[in-house]
């Protein structure tokens, strides 16, 4: 049984999140994407918790589905933002909490309320508890729960963040650091970058979307394998602990980290962007305003890495996967969302009606987005949807794309066709007339 999981996303009760992020729509889009295990998101919000408890039924221990609509599997999940001072320094850390069942979730909610947490204010509540205090509360209340540090390199809200984080898991989680058995890469890093951090050697590296709208579901995901007869929350937990009998991580599906909005260092206001090498040579002060640059993920990895590791690229059925040099870690594949490929192929925008209509047609004919991007023969794609679509997907599969890295809150720009290729295409079109 293959399980494609996206466990970090948000409901309509979180700030800056689409009102379409309700269970039925989330389920619909998960199935379009090829995700069959989805986090509920935001379980700590009282109104959302009541809704998910009403609409979901348990189908395996700790695993749920919608009662009345086509549905992927669900696990209970929620992100918590801790803002606090430790040893005289302010920290802002986001952690993903996965309770094993509704009873455990209710117990965590009550424990947070007793500690003064305002859970009504936001689906991703802001609390004053440190990561150590949060871990103590969660594990003492629900010992089988899982805590995964979110997007661990983001400058402002993460474990290793340059503006708000720590230099180690031990500093962040103290006596509970050994219970943190998995970390989330986030959009601005990939497994290769995380393999270079010594304390992550024995921890699972997972990727999820952090989706704020339905179409973003599955932009990153983790692919597990397990037996349907033993499918359960406990099997998921064992897999995240890399234990025998647990779900096995086959690979992760990654955003191009350069496309993430904090990959490079810089100042968006001053339009200054710098690579780690440029920071080393020129320093971290903005040449325009003189203030410190926001140090990006690539530089932060450089600061904390104890070794340099390069991935080994191998093609599998025409798709380039990246492997750890000694084969000790699950591989990963880096993709561009299908709507972005269609938009560039059609010289349109990802949100245009033309692109969305073609996307829906492709899903209808070819099952789901991951099947299209990873498995569908190029000949079939070309025959059904034209050579431009087929060529675009082939370029993504082979990593033959161009990226202008993101920095300081600005997403990177992905181009599948170079400007020269576009000019050739334009000239060929003009020659027809």
Protein backbone atom coordinates (compact mmCIF):
# COMPACT_ATOMS: atom_id res chain seq x y z
CA UNK A 1 0.00 0.00 0.00
CA UNK A 2 1.49 3.33 -1.08
CA UNK A 3 0.61 6.31 1.12
CA UNK A 4 1.23 9.83 -0.19
CA UNK A 5 1.02 12.08 2.85
CA UNK A 6 0.58 15.82 3.30
CA UNK A 7 0.20 16.39 7.03
CA UNK A 8 0.92 20.13 7.37
CA UNK A 9 -1.73 22.52 6.06
CA UNK A 10 -4.29 24.97 7.39
CA UNK A 11 -8.05 25.38 7.67
CA UNK A 12 -10.13 28.45 7.00
CA UNK A 13 -9.78 29.31 10.70
CA UNK A 14 -6.12 30.26 10.28
CA UNK A 15 -5.01 33.75 9.31
CA UNK A 16 -4.29 34.42 5.62
CA UNK A 17 -5.92 31.15 4.56
CA UNK A 18 -8.54 30.64 1.84
CA UNK A 19 -12.12 30.19 3.00
CA UNK A 20 -12.20 27.16 0.68
CA UNK A 21 -10.00 25.26 3.13
CA UNK A 22 -12.80 23.15 4.57
CA UNK A 23 -12.78 19.36 4.79
CA UNK A 24 -14.74 18.47 1.67
CA UNK A 25 -12.74 20.79 -0.58
CA UNK A 26 -9.44 19.77 1.02
CA UNK A 27 -10.37 16.12 0.37
CA UNK A 28 -11.36 16.84 -3.23
CA UNK A 29 -8.06 18.56 -4.00
CA UNK A 30 -6.00 15.95 -2.17
CA UNK A 31 -7.45 13.28 -4.47
CA UNK A 32 -6.76 15.47 -7.52
CA UNK A 33 -3.16 15.81 -6.43
CA UNK A 34 -2.68 12.12 -5.62
CA UNK A 35 -2.48 12.63 -1.84
CA UNK A 36 -4.25 9.88 0.08
CA UNK A 37 -3.27 10.79 3.67
CA UNK A 38 -4.04 14.34 4.74
CA UNK A 39 -3.71 16.22 7.99
CA UNK A 40 -6.92 17.75 9.33
CA UNK A 41 -5.01 20.93 10.24
CA UNK A 42 -5.78 23.30 13.11
CA UNK A 43 -7.22 20.76 15.56
CA UNK A 44 -6.70 23.18 18.47
CA UNK A 45 -9.31 25.63 17.16
CA UNK A 46 -12.59 24.87 19.02
CA UNK A 47 -14.96 25.44 16.07
CA UNK A 48 -12.78 23.53 13.61
CA UNK A 49 -12.25 20.70 16.10
CA UNK A 50 -16.01 20.32 16.50
CA UNK A 51 -16.36 20.23 12.71
CA UNK A 52 -13.70 17.58 12.08
CA UNK A 53 -14.99 15.46 14.96
CA UNK A 54 -18.50 15.61 13.48
CA UNK A 55 -17.53 14.93 9.86
CA UNK A 56 -14.87 12.22 10.24
CA UNK A 57 -15.19 8.54 11.04
CA UNK A 58 -12.40 6.25 12.23
CA UNK A 59 -11.56 3.57 9.63
CA UNK A 60 -8.23 2.34 11.05
CA UNK A 61 -6.84 3.04 14.56
CA UNK A 62 -6.16 6.79 14.58
CA UNK A 63 -6.92 7.07 10.83
CA UNK A 64 -10.12 8.76 9.62
CA UNK A 65 -12.19 9.45 6.52
CA UNK A 66 -15.10 11.74 5.68
CA UNK A 67 -18.47 10.18 6.43
CA UNK A 68 -20.36 11.52 3.44
CA UNK A 69 -17.99 12.28 0.53
CA UNK A 70 -15.12 10.70 -1.46
CA UNK A 71 -12.20 11.00 0.86
CA UNK A 72 -8.51 10.44 1.40
CA UNK A 73 -7.46 9.22 4.82
CA UNK A 74 -6.95 11.82 7.56
CA UNK A 75 -4.86 12.10 10.70
CA UNK A 76 -5.49 14.78 13.29
CA UNK A 77 -2.95 17.58 12.98
CA UNK A 78 -2.27 21.18 13.92
CA UNK A 79 0.55 23.72 13.91
CA UNK A 80 1.37 25.75 17.02
CA UNK A 81 3.42 28.96 17.07
CA UNK A 82 5.55 29.45 20.18
CA UNK A 83 6.92 32.94 20.80
CA UNK A 84 9.05 33.15 23.93
CA UNK A 85 12.32 34.25 25.49
CA UNK A 86 14.95 31.71 26.50
CA UNK A 87 18.33 32.67 27.96
CA UNK A 88 17.69 36.31 27.13
CA UNK A 89 16.91 35.72 23.44
CA UNK A 90 13.51 35.75 21.74
CA UNK A 91 12.55 32.67 19.75
CA UNK A 92 9.66 32.02 17.39
CA UNK A 93 9.22 28.34 16.64
CA UNK A 94 6.45 26.51 14.73
CA UNK A 95 5.75 22.88 15.61
CA UNK A 96 3.37 20.39 14.02
CA UNK A 97 1.43 18.30 16.56
CA UNK A 98 -0.16 14.98 15.57
CA UNK A 99 -2.35 13.47 18.32
CA UNK A 100 -3.10 9.72 18.01
CA UNK A 101 -6.90 10.13 18.26
CA UNK A 102 -9.68 12.54 19.19
CA UNK A 103 -9.45 11.77 22.91
CA UNK A 104 -5.77 12.67 22.95
CA UNK A 105 -6.48 15.81 20.90
CA UNK A 106 -9.11 16.93 23.43
CA UNK A 107 -6.69 16.32 26.28
CA UNK A 108 -4.02 18.48 24.58
CA UNK A 109 -6.59 21.23 23.94
CA UNK A 110 -7.61 21.27 27.62
CA UNK A 111 -4.00 21.29 28.77
CA UNK A 112 -3.19 24.26 26.50
CA UNK A 113 -6.25 26.15 27.76
CA UNK A 114 -5.15 25.55 31.36
CA UNK A 115 -1.82 27.14 30.48
CA UNK A 116 -3.63 30.26 29.21
CA UNK A 117 -3.46 29.59 25.45
CA UNK A 118 -6.04 31.55 23.44
CA UNK A 119 -7.14 28.85 21.01
CA UNK A 120 -10.10 30.80 19.61
CA UNK A 121 -7.94 33.51 18.05
CA UNK A 122 -6.37 31.52 15.22
CA UNK A 123 -6.22 28.01 13.75
CA UNK A 124 -2.47 28.23 14.27
CA UNK A 125 -2.49 29.62 17.83
CA UNK A 126 0.32 31.76 19.20
CA UNK A 127 1.34 30.66 22.69
CA UNK A 128 3.96 31.80 25.19
CA UNK A 129 5.19 28.30 26.00
CA UNK A 130 8.70 27.36 24.94
CA UNK A 131 9.29 24.33 22.74
CA UNK A 132 10.48 22.51 25.87
CA UNK A 133 7.30 23.41 27.76
CA UNK A 134 5.12 22.52 24.76
CA UNK A 135 6.83 19.14 24.38
CA UNK A 136 6.40 18.45 28.09
CA UNK A 137 2.70 19.35 27.89
CA UNK A 138 2.05 17.25 24.77
CA UNK A 139 4.01 14.13 25.77
CA UNK A 140 2.73 14.11 29.37
CA UNK A 141 -0.86 14.52 28.12
CA UNK A 142 -0.69 12.23 25.07
CA UNK A 143 2.48 10.07 25.18
CA UNK A 144 1.85 8.62 21.69
CA UNK A 145 1.58 12.04 20.03
CA UNK A 146 4.12 13.20 17.45
CA UNK A 147 5.89 16.57 17.32
CA UNK A 148 7.58 17.61 14.07
CA UNK A 149 9.40 20.97 13.90
CA UNK A 150 7.95 22.83 10.90
CA UNK A 151 9.89 24.30 7.93
CA UNK A 152 12.97 24.18 10.13
CA UNK A 153 15.11 26.71 8.22
CA UNK A 154 12.70 29.62 7.69
CA UNK A 155 14.43 32.75 9.11
CA UNK A 156 11.54 34.05 11.19
CA UNK A 157 9.60 31.06 12.56
CA UNK A 158 11.64 27.88 12.85
CA UNK A 159 14.05 25.73 14.80
CA UNK A 160 17.19 26.72 12.85
CA UNK A 161 15.89 30.11 11.66
CA UNK A 162 18.56 32.81 11.36
CA UNK A 163 16.31 35.42 13.01
CA UNK A 164 14.51 33.39 15.67
CA UNK A 165 15.89 29.89 16.04
CA UNK A 166 18.54 27.80 17.73
CA UNK A 167 21.73 26.12 16.58
CA UNK A 168 20.58 22.65 17.68
CA UNK A 169 17.59 20.49 18.54
CA UNK A 170 19.03 20.04 22.03
CA UNK A 171 18.94 23.80 22.66
CA UNK A 172 15.37 24.01 21.39
CA UNK A 173 13.78 20.93 22.97
CA UNK A 174 16.13 20.21 25.88
CA UNK A 175 15.36 16.86 27.53
CA UNK A 176 12.73 16.11 24.87
CA UNK A 177 15.08 16.40 21.89
CA UNK A 178 15.37 12.60 21.56
CA UNK A 179 11.60 12.44 21.11
CA UNK A 180 11.87 14.64 18.03
CA UNK A 181 12.47 11.92 15.45
CA UNK A 182 11.47 13.75 12.26
CA UNK A 183 11.83 17.27 10.85
CA UNK A 184 10.07 19.09 8.00
CA UNK A 185 12.27 20.53 5.24
CA UNK A 186 10.07 23.49 4.30
CA UNK A 187 9.87 24.97 0.81
CA UNK A 188 13.31 26.62 0.90
CA UNK A 189 15.37 23.51 1.68
CA UNK A 190 15.59 19.94 0.38
CA UNK A 191 16.93 16.69 1.90
CA UNK A 192 20.47 17.21 0.54
CA UNK A 193 20.76 20.41 2.57
CA UNK A 194 19.48 18.65 5.68
CA UNK A 195 21.77 15.63 5.25
CA UNK A 196 24.68 17.96 6.03
CA UNK A 197 23.50 18.59 9.60
CA UNK A 198 25.06 16.06 11.97
CA UNK A 199 22.21 15.85 14.49
CA UNK A 200 19.75 15.06 11.69
CA UNK A 201 21.67 11.91 10.68
CA UNK A 202 19.35 9.68 12.70
CA UNK A 203 16.15 11.63 12.15
CA UNK A 204 13.60 11.23 9.37
CA UNK A 205 13.37 14.06 6.87
CA UNK A 206 9.81 14.70 5.71
CA UNK A 207 8.12 17.26 3.48
CA UNK A 208 4.59 18.66 3.53
CA UNK A 209 2.88 21.55 1.75
CA UNK A 210 1.94 24.06 4.50
CA UNK A 211 -0.96 24.78 2.14
CA UNK A 212 -3.10 27.87 2.71
CA UNK A 213 -5.34 27.18 -0.30
CA UNK A 214 -6.63 23.97 -1.90
CA UNK A 215 -4.50 24.17 -5.03
CA UNK A 216 -1.31 24.25 -2.90
CA UNK A 217 -2.05 20.88 -1.28
CA UNK A 218 0.65 18.38 -2.18
CA UNK A 219 3.22 20.89 -3.44
CA UNK A 220 5.45 18.91 -1.07
CA UNK A 221 4.64 15.44 0.25
CA UNK A 222 6.12 12.30 1.78
CA UNK A 223 5.54 8.90 0.17
CA UNK A 224 5.30 5.93 2.52
CA UNK A 225 4.79 2.22 1.96
CA UNK A 226 3.05 -0.16 4.33
CA UNK A 227 0.62 -3.04 4.73
CA UNK A 228 -3.06 -2.09 4.64
CA UNK A 229 -3.77 -4.71 7.33
CA UNK A 230 -1.55 -2.83 9.82
CA UNK A 231 -2.27 0.73 8.67
CA UNK A 232 -2.74 2.93 11.75
CA UNK A 233 -1.49 6.03 13.51
CA UNK A 234 0.94 3.78 15.40
CA UNK A 235 2.39 2.56 12.08
CA UNK A 236 2.84 6.19 10.97
CA UNK A 237 4.54 7.05 14.26
CA UNK A 238 6.85 4.02 13.99
CA UNK A 239 7.72 5.07 10.45
CA UNK A 240 8.62 8.57 11.63
CA UNK A 241 10.81 6.93 14.26
CA UNK A 242 12.38 4.63 11.63
CA UNK A 243 11.31 1.54 13.58
CA UNK A 244 10.60 -1.97 12.35
CA UNK A 245 6.96 -2.54 11.52
CA UNK A 246 6.29 1.09 10.76
CA UNK A 247 5.46 2.71 7.47
CA UNK A 248 8.59 2.95 5.33
CA UNK A 249 9.48 6.27 3.71
CA UNK A 250 10.03 5.56 0.01
CA UNK A 251 10.85 9.13 -1.03
CA UNK A 252 9.80 12.73 -0.58
CA UNK A 253 8.34 15.08 -3.18
CA UNK A 254 10.03 18.47 -2.99
CA UNK A 255 9.48 22.01 -4.16
CA UNK A 256 12.62 23.34 -5.86
CA UNK A 257 14.27 24.93 -2.78
CA UNK A 258 15.46 27.85 -4.92
CA UNK A 259 11.80 28.64 -5.55
CA UNK A 260 11.20 29.01 -1.80
CA UNK A 261 10.92 32.58 -0.59
CA UNK A 262 13.81 32.37 1.86
CA UNK A 263 16.37 30.33 -0.06
CA UNK A 264 18.92 33.12 -0.60
CA UNK A 265 19.77 36.02 1.71
CA UNK A 266 18.73 39.55 0.93
CA UNK A 267 16.49 42.59 1.34
CA UNK A 268 13.29 42.55 -0.67
CA UNK A 269 12.67 46.26 -0.07
CA UNK A 270 16.06 47.13 -1.55
CA UNK A 271 15.92 44.35 -4.18
CA UNK A 272 19.21 42.94 -2.94
CA UNK A 273 19.74 39.17 -3.22
CA UNK A 274 22.90 37.28 -2.27
CA UNK A 275 24.09 33.68 -2.42
CA UNK A 276 26.05 32.13 0.48
CA UNK A 277 29.28 32.70 -1.46
CA UNK A 278 28.44 36.38 -1.92
CA UNK A 279 27.65 36.74 1.79
CA UNK A 280 31.03 35.22 2.59
CA UNK A 281 32.83 37.71 0.34
CA UNK A 282 30.72 40.84 0.82
CA UNK A 283 29.25 40.44 4.30
CA UNK A 284 25.61 40.58 5.37
CA UNK A 285 24.96 44.32 5.30
CA UNK A 286 22.65 45.68 2.63
CA UNK A 287 24.59 47.91 0.19
CA UNK A 288 21.47 50.07 -0.29
CA UNK A 289 20.24 50.78 3.25
CA UNK A 290 23.14 49.52 5.36
CA UNK A 291 20.97 47.25 7.53
CA UNK A 292 21.64 43.52 8.06
CA UNK A 293 20.24 41.30 5.33
CA UNK A 294 17.75 38.55 6.15
CA UNK A 295 20.03 35.52 6.10
CA UNK A 296 18.44 32.83 3.97
CA UNK A 297 18.22 29.08 4.29
CA UNK A 298 21.18 28.31 2.01
CA UNK A 299 23.51 30.45 4.13
CA UNK A 300 22.10 29.13 7.40
CA UNK A 301 22.78 25.55 6.27
CA UNK A 302 26.33 26.65 5.40
CA UNK A 303 26.72 28.03 8.94
CA UNK A 304 25.55 24.86 10.72
CA UNK A 305 26.79 22.12 8.38
CA UNK A 306 29.58 19.91 9.71
CA UNK A 307 30.15 18.28 6.33
CA UNK A 308 29.43 18.86 2.68
CA UNK A 309 27.23 16.31 0.91
CA UNK A 310 26.17 16.27 -2.72
CA UNK A 311 23.31 14.09 -3.85
CA UNK A 312 23.69 11.41 -6.51
CA UNK A 313 21.24 11.80 -9.40
CA UNK A 314 19.70 8.69 -10.92
CA UNK A 315 16.99 8.38 -13.55
CA UNK A 316 14.08 6.07 -12.83
CA UNK A 317 11.59 5.70 -15.69
CA UNK A 318 12.76 9.03 -17.10
CA UNK A 319 12.43 10.88 -13.76
CA UNK A 320 15.54 12.14 -11.95
CA UNK A 321 15.62 11.12 -8.27
CA UNK A 322 18.34 12.29 -5.89
CA UNK A 323 20.02 9.87 -3.49
CA UNK A 324 22.35 10.13 -0.51
CA UNK A 325 25.85 9.09 -1.67
CA UNK A 326 25.94 6.06 0.64
CA UNK A 327 22.28 5.15 0.06
CA UNK A 328 21.44 5.45 3.75
CA UNK A 329 18.55 7.91 3.38
CA UNK A 330 15.31 7.87 1.38
CA UNK A 331 15.71 9.63 -1.99
CA UNK A 332 13.70 12.59 -3.21
CA UNK A 333 12.29 14.01 -6.41
CA UNK A 334 11.86 17.71 -7.13
CA UNK A 335 8.79 18.82 -9.08
CA UNK A 336 7.12 21.93 -10.44
CA UNK A 337 3.33 22.08 -9.81
CA UNK A 338 1.33 21.00 -12.86
CA UNK A 339 -0.58 24.30 -13.11
CA UNK A 340 2.75 26.14 -13.41
CA UNK A 341 3.88 23.83 -16.23
CA UNK A 342 0.58 24.29 -18.07
CA UNK A 343 0.69 28.07 -17.54
CA UNK A 344 4.15 28.39 -19.08
CA UNK A 345 3.33 26.00 -21.90
CA UNK A 346 0.20 28.02 -22.71
CA UNK A 347 1.90 31.38 -22.07
CA UNK A 348 -0.71 32.22 -19.45
CA UNK A 349 -0.96 32.47 -15.66
CA UNK A 350 -1.56 29.59 -13.18
CA UNK A 351 -4.86 31.14 -12.07
CA UNK A 352 -6.30 31.80 -15.56
CA UNK A 353 -9.48 29.98 -16.56
CA UNK A 354 -7.69 28.53 -19.57
CA UNK A 355 -5.02 26.89 -17.37
CA UNK A 356 -7.46 25.67 -14.71
CA UNK A 357 -9.73 24.15 -17.35
CA UNK A 358 -6.82 22.28 -18.96
CA UNK A 359 -5.63 21.15 -15.53
CA UNK A 360 -9.09 19.74 -14.73
CA UNK A 361 -9.22 17.99 -18.10
CA UNK A 362 -5.83 16.35 -17.51
CA UNK A 363 -6.86 15.18 -14.04
CA UNK A 364 -10.12 13.76 -15.39
CA UNK A 365 -8.34 11.77 -18.07
CA UNK A 366 -5.19 10.75 -16.19
CA UNK A 367 -6.25 10.23 -12.55
CA UNK A 368 -4.15 12.69 -10.49
CA UNK A 369 -1.32 15.20 -10.63
CA UNK A 370 1.46 12.99 -9.23
CA UNK A 371 0.57 10.25 -11.72
CA UNK A 372 0.86 12.80 -14.52
CA UNK A 373 4.16 14.28 -13.31
CA UNK A 374 5.87 11.00 -12.40
CA UNK A 375 4.31 8.03 -14.21
CA UNK A 376 2.30 8.84 -17.35
CA UNK A 377 4.29 8.06 -20.55
CA UNK A 378 5.36 11.19 -22.39
CA UNK A 379 3.95 9.81 -25.62
CA UNK A 380 0.51 9.65 -24.04
CA UNK A 381 0.79 13.17 -22.62
CA UNK A 382 1.85 14.51 -26.02
CA UNK A 383 -0.88 12.70 -27.93
CA UNK A 384 -3.60 13.91 -25.54
CA UNK A 385 -2.47 17.44 -24.76
CA UNK A 386 0.11 18.44 -27.36
CA UNK A 387 3.90 18.51 -27.66
CA UNK A 388 4.34 21.63 -25.52
CA UNK A 389 2.78 20.01 -22.42
CA UNK A 390 4.73 16.80 -22.99
CA UNK A 391 7.98 18.71 -23.41
CA UNK A 392 7.37 20.77 -20.28
CA UNK A 393 6.76 17.72 -18.10
CA UNK A 394 9.81 15.99 -19.59
CA UNK A 395 11.98 19.00 -18.72
CA UNK A 396 10.69 18.97 -15.12
CA UNK A 397 11.30 15.22 -14.82
CA UNK A 398 14.90 15.68 -16.01
CA UNK A 399 15.50 18.86 -13.96
CA UNK A 400 16.20 20.85 -17.14
CA UNK A 401 14.73 24.11 -15.86
CA UNK A 402 15.89 27.61 -14.89
CA UNK A 403 15.35 29.20 -11.46
CA UNK A 404 15.94 32.68 -10.12
CA UNK A 405 16.26 32.02 -6.34
CA UNK A 406 13.82 33.48 -3.83
CA UNK A 407 14.94 35.70 -0.93
CA UNK A 408 13.57 37.68 2.04
CA UNK A 409 9.92 36.74 1.48
CA UNK A 410 10.02 36.83 -2.34
CA UNK A 411 9.33 33.51 -4.07
CA UNK A 412 11.86 32.37 -6.64
CA UNK A 413 10.94 32.31 -10.32
CA UNK A 414 10.90 29.02 -12.22
CA UNK A 415 11.24 28.95 -15.98
CA UNK A 416 10.90 25.68 -17.88
CA UNK A 417 11.91 27.20 -21.23
CA UNK A 418 14.85 29.57 -21.57
CA UNK A 419 14.38 32.95 -23.24
CA UNK A 420 16.34 31.62 -26.23
CA UNK A 421 13.96 28.64 -26.57
CA UNK A 422 10.99 31.02 -26.40
CA UNK A 423 12.47 33.18 -29.14
CA UNK A 424 12.98 30.13 -31.38
CA UNK A 425 9.36 29.10 -30.79
CA UNK A 426 8.15 32.62 -31.62
CA UNK A 427 10.22 32.66 -34.84
CA UNK A 428 8.83 29.27 -35.85
CA UNK A 429 5.28 30.50 -35.28
CA UNK A 430 5.92 33.64 -37.33
CA UNK A 431 7.37 31.57 -40.19
CA UNK A 432 3.99 29.85 -40.56
CA UNK A 433 2.58 33.14 -41.80
